[in-house]
Amino acid sequence: MSEGAIVGLMAFLFVLFGVLGVPVPFAVMASVIIGVLLTDISMTTVVAEMFNGINAVPLLAVPFFILVGELMASSNVTERLVSFAQALVGHIRGGLAQVVTVVSMFFAGISGSSSADVAAIGRVMLPPMKREGYNPANSAALVAAASTIANMIPPSIMAIVYGAVGGVSIAALFVGGVMPGVMVGLGLMIYSYFFGFSENVRPRSSFGEVARTAGGSVLPLLIPFMIVGGILGGLFTPTEAGMVAVVYT
């Protein structure tokens, strides 16, 4: 078979396996293996290249940041971040929708994982949104959309993977991801304001309330500054930053 026919077959098999409900990683592996069997490439070479692809020290940072997200999700840190966000933006039109976006920006700078973001914030925010009359489908869509900010604001796991595989500076990716992540968050907040999911408007929090909730959230919110500052200052590598974040958490 020609190379074009093999690539087309692999793409068709990937789509077919996806339609059949096969998980994406296994669908990719199955289509590639079937394609390789139609060429002169040995399976030994395929296995060696797979190993070389993941044989990068910076990738060791990924499980550490995932662990940070799980530790945060299993503690009361998420509730403290929600209280702080509520004090900051809860009085704006579409209050709880605004809170979801702001908390996602906070949590993105702590875990760097979209899945951890969805699990932690969805567990805390979806029940009160439902009680206040928010459409469950819209609420779930907002949480899912806001969780993508974790792929931009450091410490982004996607940035670590891309930097390790592509040979790009992870520190530069971290710095470059801050502004896009903030812009996505502001865009979601503007959308929630003009197309609010609820008309409920909460009273503005007092300065004392803002200060109190900020005091309960300041320690976890130091994590992104500690990680980015440590990497840019040459104090530790991204992998070491993950270990530092775990110990700090």
C-alpha atoms as a PDB file:
ATOM      1  CA  MET A   1       0.000   0.000   0.000  1.00  0.00           C
ATOM      2  CA  SER A   2       1.125   3.553  -0.652  1.00  0.00           C
ATOM      3  CA  GLU A   3       1.943   5.896   2.219  1.00  0.00           C
ATOM      4  CA  GLY A   4      -1.162   7.973   1.485  1.00  0.00           C
ATOM      5  CA  ALA A   5      -3.414   4.921   1.610  1.00  0.00           C
ATOM      6  CA  ILE A   6      -1.896   3.809   4.924  1.00  0.00           C
ATOM      7  CA  VAL A   7      -2.362   7.266   6.470  1.00  0.00           C
ATOM      8  CA  GLY A   8      -5.949   7.343   5.225  1.00  0.00           C
ATOM      9  CA  LEU A   9      -6.589   3.887   6.681  1.00  0.00           C
ATOM     10  CA  MET A  10      -5.149   4.957  10.040  1.00  0.00           C
ATOM     11  CA  ALA A  11      -7.366   8.058  10.098  1.00  0.00           C
ATOM     12  CA  PHE A  12     -10.430   5.980   9.177  1.00  0.00           C
ATOM     13  CA  LEU A  13      -9.691   3.407  11.886  1.00  0.00           C
ATOM     14  CA  PHE A  14      -9.175   6.146  14.474  1.00  0.00           C
ATOM     15  CA  VAL A  15     -12.575   7.655  13.665  1.00  0.00           C
ATOM     16  CA  LEU A  16     -14.190   4.206  13.576  1.00  0.00           C
ATOM     17  CA  PHE A  17     -12.800   3.214  16.956  1.00  0.00           C
ATOM     18  CA  GLY A  18     -13.926   6.564  18.374  1.00  0.00           C
ATOM     19  CA  VAL A  19     -17.469   6.046  17.102  1.00  0.00           C
ATOM     20  CA  LEU A  20     -17.459   2.564  18.670  1.00  0.00           C
ATOM     21  CA  GLY A  21     -16.622   4.140  22.024  1.00  0.00           C
ATOM     22  CA  VAL A  22     -12.986   3.078  22.295  1.00  0.00           C
ATOM     23  CA  PRO A  23     -11.019   5.503  24.532  1.00  0.00           C
ATOM     24  CA  VAL A  24      -8.939   7.948  22.479  1.00  0.00           C
ATOM     25  CA  PRO A  25      -5.468   6.699  23.589  1.00  0.00           C
ATOM     26  CA  PHE A  26      -6.341   3.102  22.672  1.00  0.00           C
ATOM     27  CA  ALA A  27      -7.945   4.216  19.407  1.00  0.00           C
ATOM     28  CA  VAL A  28      -4.738   6.030  18.477  1.00  0.00           C
ATOM     29  CA  MET A  29      -2.540   3.066  19.406  1.00  0.00           C
ATOM     30  CA  ALA A  30      -4.724   0.551  17.565  1.00  0.00           C
ATOM     31  CA  SER A  31      -4.822   2.593  14.344  1.00  0.00           C
ATOM     32  CA  VAL A  32      -1.055   3.167  14.440  1.00  0.00           C
ATOM     33  CA  ILE A  33      -0.246  -0.496  15.113  1.00  0.00           C
ATOM     34  CA  ILE A  34      -2.474  -1.644  12.247  1.00  0.00           C
ATOM     35  CA  GLY A  35      -0.832   0.923   9.983  1.00  0.00           C
ATOM     36  CA  VAL A  36       2.651  -0.178  11.007  1.00  0.00           C
ATOM     37  CA  LEU A  37       1.840  -3.808  10.226  1.00  0.00           C
ATOM     38  CA  LEU A  38       1.312  -2.748   6.601  1.00  0.00           C
ATOM     39  CA  THR A  39       4.819  -1.260   6.357  1.00  0.00           C
ATOM     40  CA  ASP A  40       8.369  -2.524   6.733  1.00  0.00           C
ATOM     41  CA  ILE A  41       8.761  -0.879  10.142  1.00  0.00           C
ATOM     42  CA  SER A  42       9.348  -3.389  12.928  1.00  0.00           C
ATOM     43  CA  MET A  43       7.378  -3.301  16.164  1.00  0.00           C
ATOM     44  CA  THR A  44      10.679  -3.078  18.035  1.00  0.00           C
ATOM     45  CA  THR A  45      11.325   0.275  16.385  1.00  0.00           C
ATOM     46  CA  VAL A  46       7.828   1.466  17.279  1.00  0.00           C
ATOM     47  CA  VAL A  47       8.305   0.555  20.935  1.00  0.00           C
ATOM     48  CA  ALA A  48      11.718   2.223  21.011  1.00  0.00           C
ATOM     49  CA  GLU A  49      10.325   5.435  19.526  1.00  0.00           C
ATOM     50  CA  MET A  50       7.425   5.400  22.000  1.00  0.00           C
ATOM     51  CA  PHE A  51       9.918   5.153  24.851  1.00  0.00           C
ATOM     52  CA  ASN A  52      12.106   7.917  23.414  1.00  0.00           C
ATOM     53  CA  GLY A  53       9.048  10.146  23.120  1.00  0.00           C
ATOM     54  CA  ILE A  54       8.314  10.002  26.836  1.00  0.00           C
ATOM     55  CA  ASN A  55      11.933   9.791  28.009  1.00  0.00           C
ATOM     56  CA  ALA A  56      12.044  13.436  29.081  1.00  0.00           C
ATOM     57  CA  VAL A  57      12.800  14.566  32.615  1.00  0.00           C
ATOM     58  CA  PRO A  58      10.422  17.603  32.509  1.00  0.00           C
ATOM     59  CA  LEU A  59       7.495  15.203  32.020  1.00  0.00           C
ATOM     60  CA  LEU A  60       8.061  14.029  35.597  1.00  0.00           C
ATOM     61  CA  ALA A  61       6.519  17.344  36.665  1.00  0.00           C
ATOM     62  CA  VAL A  62       3.118  16.283  35.319  1.00  0.00           C
ATOM     63  CA  PRO A  63       2.202  13.724  38.027  1.00  0.00           C
ATOM     64  CA  PHE A  64       3.350  16.144  40.725  1.00  0.00           C
ATOM     65  CA  PHE A  65       1.045  18.923  39.517  1.00  0.00           C
ATOM     66  CA  ILE A  66      -1.797  16.418  39.135  1.00  0.00           C
ATOM     67  CA  LEU A  67      -1.190  15.423  42.753  1.00  0.00           C
ATOM     68  CA  VAL A  68      -1.318  19.101  43.777  1.00  0.00           C
ATOM     69  CA  GLY A  69      -4.716  19.411  42.120  1.00  0.00           C
ATOM     70  CA  GLU A  70      -6.005  16.286  43.846  1.00  0.00           C
ATOM     71  CA  LEU A  71      -4.758  17.497  47.228  1.00  0.00           C
ATOM     72  CA  MET A  72      -6.478  20.823  46.707  1.00  0.00           C
ATOM     73  CA  ALA A  73      -9.708  19.174  45.566  1.00  0.00           C
ATOM     74  CA  SER A  74      -9.789  16.872  48.600  1.00  0.00           C
ATOM     75  CA  SER A  75      -9.255  19.682  51.114  1.00  0.00           C
ATOM     76  CA  ASN A  76     -11.144  22.863  51.945  1.00  0.00           C
ATOM     77  CA  VAL A  77      -8.913  24.993  49.731  1.00  0.00           C
ATOM     78  CA  THR A  78     -11.524  25.056  46.951  1.00  0.00           C
ATOM     79  CA  GLU A  79     -14.171  26.349  49.350  1.00  0.00           C
ATOM     80  CA  ARG A  80     -11.807  29.114  50.507  1.00  0.00           C
ATOM     81  CA  LEU A  81     -11.105  30.157  46.912  1.00  0.00           C
ATOM     82  CA  VAL A  82     -14.849  30.185  46.186  1.00  0.00           C
ATOM     83  CA  SER A  83     -15.480  32.391  49.233  1.00  0.00           C
ATOM     84  CA  PHE A  84     -12.791  34.824  48.075  1.00  0.00           C
ATOM     85  CA  ALA A  85     -14.162  34.933  44.519  1.00  0.00           C
ATOM     86  CA  GLN A  86     -17.679  35.400  45.901  1.00  0.00           C
ATOM     87  CA  ALA A  87     -16.511  38.392  47.904  1.00  0.00           C
ATOM     88  CA  LEU A  88     -14.803  39.889  44.852  1.00  0.00           C
ATOM     89  CA  VAL A  89     -17.344  39.396  42.052  1.00  0.00           C
ATOM     90  CA  GLY A  90     -20.441  37.807  43.613  1.00  0.00           C
ATOM     91  CA  HIS A  91     -22.345  41.095  43.441  1.00  0.00           C
ATOM     92  CA  ILE A  92     -21.945  41.417  39.654  1.00  0.00           C
ATOM     93  CA  ARG A  93     -24.832  40.392  37.405  1.00  0.00           C
ATOM     94  CA  GLY A  94     -24.727  36.609  36.874  1.00  0.00           C
ATOM     95  CA  GLY A  95     -22.964  36.331  40.229  1.00  0.00           C
ATOM     96  CA  LEU A  96     -22.326  32.600  40.542  1.00  0.00           C
ATOM     97  CA  ALA A  97     -21.309  32.373  36.881  1.00  0.00           C
ATOM     98  CA  GLN A  98     -18.768  35.133  37.541  1.00  0.00           C
ATOM     99  CA  VAL A  99     -17.547  33.249  40.605  1.00  0.00           C
ATOM    100  CA  VAL A 100     -17.037  30.054  38.572  1.00  0.00           C
ATOM    101  CA  THR A 101     -14.787  31.898  36.115  1.00  0.00           C
ATOM    102  CA  VAL A 102     -12.723  33.666  38.765  1.00  0.00           C
ATOM    103  CA  VAL A 103     -12.287  30.477  40.807  1.00  0.00           C
ATOM    104  CA  SER A 104     -11.205  28.652  37.648  1.00  0.00           C
ATOM    105  CA  MET A 105      -8.519  31.269  37.107  1.00  0.00           C
ATOM    106  CA  PHE A 106      -7.377  30.870  40.713  1.00  0.00           C
ATOM    107  CA  PHE A 107      -7.411  27.079  40.593  1.00  0.00           C
ATOM    108  CA  ALA A 108      -5.669  27.004  37.198  1.00  0.00           C
ATOM    109  CA  GLY A 109      -2.685  28.715  38.784  1.00  0.00           C
ATOM    110  CA  ILE A 110      -2.543  26.035  41.463  1.00  0.00           C
ATOM    111  CA  SER A 111      -3.066  22.693  39.722  1.00  0.00           C
ATOM    112  CA  GLY A 112      -2.548  23.305  35.989  1.00  0.00           C
ATOM    113  CA  SER A 113      -5.016  20.488  35.302  1.00  0.00           C
ATOM    114  CA  SER A 114      -8.355  20.982  33.554  1.00  0.00           C
ATOM    115  CA  SER A 115      -9.721  17.706  34.934  1.00  0.00           C
ATOM    116  CA  ALA A 116      -8.838  18.687  38.506  1.00  0.00           C
ATOM    117  CA  ASP A 117     -10.401  22.088  37.853  1.00  0.00           C
ATOM    118  CA  VAL A 118     -13.681  20.552  36.678  1.00  0.00           C
ATOM    119  CA  ALA A 119     -13.813  18.032  39.523  1.00  0.00           C
ATOM    120  CA  ALA A 120     -13.105  20.533  42.288  1.00  0.00           C
ATOM    121  CA  ILE A 121     -15.135  23.494  41.064  1.00  0.00           C
ATOM    122  CA  GLY A 122     -18.041  21.445  39.720  1.00  0.00           C
ATOM    123  CA  ARG A 123     -18.450  19.704  43.062  1.00  0.00           C
ATOM    124  CA  VAL A 124     -18.607  23.005  44.945  1.00  0.00           C
ATOM    125  CA  MET A 125     -20.413  25.320  42.511  1.00  0.00           C
ATOM    126  CA  LEU A 126     -22.969  23.268  40.581  1.00  0.00           C
ATOM    127  CA  PRO A 127     -25.327  22.540  43.539  1.00  0.00           C
ATOM    128  CA  PRO A 128     -25.742  26.218  44.576  1.00  0.00           C
ATOM    129  CA  MET A 129     -26.123  27.262  40.924  1.00  0.00           C
ATOM    130  CA  LYS A 130     -28.938  24.757  40.530  1.00  0.00           C
ATOM    131  CA  ARG A 131     -30.618  26.053  43.700  1.00  0.00           C
ATOM    132  CA  GLU A 132     -30.530  29.617  42.361  1.00  0.00           C
ATOM    133  CA  GLY A 133     -32.236  28.631  39.126  1.00  0.00           C
ATOM    134  CA  TYR A 134     -29.290  28.294  36.771  1.00  0.00           C
ATOM    135  CA  ASN A 135     -29.861  25.881  33.902  1.00  0.00           C
ATOM    136  CA  PRO A 136     -27.842  22.713  34.730  1.00  0.00           C
ATOM    137  CA  ALA A 137     -26.681  22.316  31.123  1.00  0.00           C
ATOM    138  CA  ASN A 138     -25.487  25.925  30.920  1.00  0.00           C
ATOM    139  CA  SER A 139     -23.787  25.633  34.297  1.00  0.00           C
ATOM    140  CA  ALA A 140     -21.946  22.477  33.263  1.00  0.00           C
ATOM    141  CA  ALA A 141     -20.911  24.109  29.977  1.00  0.00           C
ATOM    142  CA  LEU A 142     -19.570  27.140  31.848  1.00  0.00           C
ATOM    143  CA  VAL A 143     -17.527  24.995  34.246  1.00  0.00           C
ATOM    144  CA  ALA A 144     -16.126  22.992  31.318  1.00  0.00           C
ATOM    145  CA  ALA A 145     -15.260  26.136  29.333  1.00  0.00           C
ATOM    146  CA  ALA A 146     -13.665  27.851  32.316  1.00  0.00           C
ATOM    147  CA  SER A 147     -11.568  24.774  33.080  1.00  0.00           C
ATOM    148  CA  THR A 148      -9.683  25.268  29.786  1.00  0.00           C
ATOM    149  CA  ILE A 149      -7.958  28.235  31.436  1.00  0.00           C
ATOM    150  CA  ALA A 150      -5.863  25.672  33.308  1.00  0.00           C
ATOM    151  CA  ASN A 151      -4.176  24.819  29.995  1.00  0.00           C
ATOM    152  CA  MET A 152      -2.842  28.375  29.743  1.00  0.00           C
ATOM    153  CA  ILE A 153      -2.193  29.907  33.152  1.00  0.00           C
ATOM    154  CA  PRO A 154       0.940  28.403  34.740  1.00  0.00           C
ATOM    155  CA  PRO A 155       1.669  25.817  35.976  1.00  0.00           C
ATOM    156  CA  SER A 156      -0.024  24.402  32.881  1.00  0.00           C
ATOM    157  CA  ILE A 157       0.444  20.663  32.399  1.00  0.00           C
ATOM    158  CA  MET A 158      -0.130  21.104  28.665  1.00  0.00           C
ATOM    159  CA  ALA A 159       2.699  23.642  28.538  1.00  0.00           C
ATOM    160  CA  ILE A 160       5.000  21.203  30.333  1.00  0.00           C
ATOM    161  CA  VAL A 161       4.163  18.400  27.902  1.00  0.00           C
ATOM    162  CA  TYR A 162       4.544  20.651  24.855  1.00  0.00           C
ATOM    163  CA  GLY A 163       7.826  22.078  26.133  1.00  0.00           C
ATOM    164  CA  ALA A 164       9.249  18.629  26.917  1.00  0.00           C
ATOM    165  CA  VAL A 165       8.226  17.064  23.596  1.00  0.00           C
ATOM    166  CA  GLY A 166       8.930  20.076  21.380  1.00  0.00           C
ATOM    167  CA  GLY A 167      12.113  21.227  23.057  1.00  0.00           C
ATOM    168  CA  VAL A 168      10.606  24.630  23.904  1.00  0.00           C
ATOM    169  CA  SER A 169      11.435  26.599  27.044  1.00  0.00           C
ATOM    170  CA  ILE A 170       8.824  25.690  29.652  1.00  0.00           C
ATOM    171  CA  ALA A 171       9.508  28.915  31.540  1.00  0.00           C
ATOM    172  CA  ALA A 172       8.764  30.929  28.384  1.00  0.00           C
ATOM    173  CA  LEU A 173       5.556  28.952  27.849  1.00  0.00           C
ATOM    174  CA  PHE A 174       4.516  29.659  31.432  1.00  0.00           C
ATOM    175  CA  VAL A 175       5.071  33.403  31.040  1.00  0.00           C
ATOM    176  CA  GLY A 176       3.402  33.464  27.619  1.00  0.00           C
ATOM    177  CA  GLY A 177       0.301  31.644  28.880  1.00  0.00           C
ATOM    178  CA  VAL A 178      -0.664  34.154  31.574  1.00  0.00           C
ATOM    179  CA  MET A 179      -2.221  36.829  29.358  1.00  0.00           C
ATOM    180  CA  PRO A 180      -4.226  34.436  27.117  1.00  0.00           C
ATOM    181  CA  GLY A 181      -5.613  32.708  30.204  1.00  0.00           C
ATOM    182  CA  VAL A 182      -6.656  36.016  31.755  1.00  0.00           C
ATOM    183  CA  MET A 183      -8.258  37.142  28.470  1.00  0.00           C
ATOM    184  CA  VAL A 184     -10.284  33.925  28.237  1.00  0.00           C
ATOM    185  CA  GLY A 185     -11.445  34.445  31.815  1.00  0.00           C
ATOM    186  CA  LEU A 186     -12.445  38.054  31.136  1.00  0.00           C
ATOM    187  CA  GLY A 187     -14.287  36.949  28.005  1.00  0.00           C
ATOM    188  CA  LEU A 188     -16.316  34.423  29.985  1.00  0.00           C
ATOM    189  CA  MET A 189     -17.085  37.039  32.632  1.00  0.00           C
ATOM    190  CA  ILE A 190     -18.311  39.497  29.988  1.00  0.00           C
ATOM    191  CA  TYR A 191     -20.474  36.800  28.424  1.00  0.00           C
ATOM    192  CA  SER A 192     -21.930  35.883  31.822  1.00  0.00           C
ATOM    193  CA  TYR A 193     -22.716  39.557  32.458  1.00  0.00           C
ATOM    194  CA  PHE A 194     -24.611  40.237  29.239  1.00  0.00           C
ATOM    195  CA  PHE A 195     -26.142  36.784  28.868  1.00  0.00           C
ATOM    196  CA  GLY A 196     -26.463  36.032  32.574  1.00  0.00           C
ATOM    197  CA  PHE A 197     -27.799  32.650  33.581  1.00  0.00           C
ATOM    198  CA  SER A 198     -29.670  34.166  36.530  1.00  0.00           C
ATOM    199  CA  GLU A 199     -31.039  37.557  37.494  1.00  0.00           C
ATOM    200  CA  ASN A 200     -30.122  37.103  41.154  1.00  0.00           C
ATOM    201  CA  VAL A 201     -27.898  39.942  42.366  1.00  0.00           C
ATOM    202  CA  ARG A 202     -26.109  39.595  45.683  1.00  0.00           C
ATOM    203  CA  PRO A 203     -25.155  42.546  47.887  1.00  0.00           C
ATOM    204  CA  ARG A 204     -21.604  43.832  47.563  1.00  0.00           C
ATOM    205  CA  SER A 205     -19.261  42.372  50.168  1.00  0.00           C
ATOM    206  CA  SER A 206     -17.720  44.730  52.668  1.00  0.00           C
ATOM    207  CA  PHE A 207     -13.999  45.470  52.683  1.00  0.00           C
ATOM    208  CA  GLY A 208     -13.680  43.444  55.871  1.00  0.00           C
ATOM    209  CA  GLU A 209     -15.308  40.420  54.215  1.00  0.00           C
ATOM    210  CA  VAL A 210     -12.990  40.702  51.219  1.00  0.00           C
ATOM    211  CA  ALA A 211      -9.968  40.957  53.508  1.00  0.00           C
ATOM    212  CA  ARG A 212     -11.099  37.989  55.608  1.00  0.00           C
ATOM    213  CA  THR A 213     -11.643  35.700  52.609  1.00  0.00           C
ATOM    214  CA  ALA A 214      -8.396  36.907  51.025  1.00  0.00           C
ATOM    215  CA  GLY A 215      -6.540  35.939  54.188  1.00  0.00           C
ATOM    216  CA  GLY A 216      -7.914  32.413  53.925  1.00  0.00           C
ATOM    217  CA  SER A 217      -6.867  32.108  50.282  1.00  0.00           C
ATOM    218  CA  VAL A 218      -3.491  33.825  50.221  1.00  0.00           C
ATOM    219  CA  LEU A 219      -1.405  30.702  50.928  1.00  0.00           C
ATOM    220  CA  PRO A 220      -2.705  28.588  48.021  1.00  0.00           C
ATOM    221  CA  LEU A 221      -2.661  31.610  45.687  1.00  0.00           C
ATOM    222  CA  LEU A 222       1.091  31.978  46.310  1.00  0.00           C
ATOM    223  CA  ILE A 223       1.762  28.700  44.481  1.00  0.00           C
ATOM    224  CA  PRO A 224       1.808  30.061  40.886  1.00  0.00           C
ATOM    225  CA  PHE A 225       4.066  32.967  41.877  1.00  0.00           C
ATOM    226  CA  MET A 226       6.370  30.597  43.724  1.00  0.00           C
ATOM    227  CA  ILE A 227       6.558  28.193  40.773  1.00  0.00           C
ATOM    228  CA  VAL A 228       7.035  30.753  38.002  1.00  0.00           C
ATOM    229  CA  GLY A 229       9.358  32.909  40.088  1.00  0.00           C
ATOM    230  CA  GLY A 230      11.455  29.904  41.082  1.00  0.00           C
ATOM    231  CA  ILE A 231      11.787  28.681  37.505  1.00  0.00           C
ATOM    232  CA  LEU A 232      12.565  32.116  36.039  1.00  0.00           C
ATOM    233  CA  GLY A 233      14.992  32.816  38.885  1.00  0.00           C
ATOM    234  CA  GLY A 234      16.840  29.577  38.266  1.00  0.00           C
ATOM    235  CA  LEU A 235      16.060  28.212  41.723  1.00  0.00           C
ATOM    236  CA  PHE A 236      14.599  24.963  40.397  1.00  0.00           C
ATOM    237  CA  THR A 237      13.543  23.159  37.239  1.00  0.00           C
ATOM    238  CA  PRO A 238       9.885  22.495  36.289  1.00  0.00           C
ATOM    239  CA  THR A 239      10.164  18.980  37.751  1.00  0.00           C
ATOM    240  CA  GLU A 240      11.572  20.307  41.006  1.00  0.00           C
ATOM    241  CA  ALA A 241       8.862  22.976  40.987  1.00  0.00           C
ATOM    242  CA  GLY A 242       6.245  20.215  40.942  1.00  0.00           C
ATOM    243  CA  MET A 243       7.840  18.558  43.954  1.00  0.00           C
ATOM    244  CA  VAL A 244       8.043  21.902  45.778  1.00  0.00           C
ATOM    245  CA  ALA A 245       4.348  22.540  45.052  1.00  0.00           C
ATOM    246  CA  VAL A 246       3.392  19.127  46.455  1.00  0.00           C
ATOM    247  CA  VAL A 247       5.362  19.677  49.672  1.00  0.00           C
ATOM    248  CA  TYR A 248       3.975  23.224  50.010  1.00  0.00           C
ATOM    249  CA  THR A 249       0.403  22.026  49.490  1.00  0.00           C
END
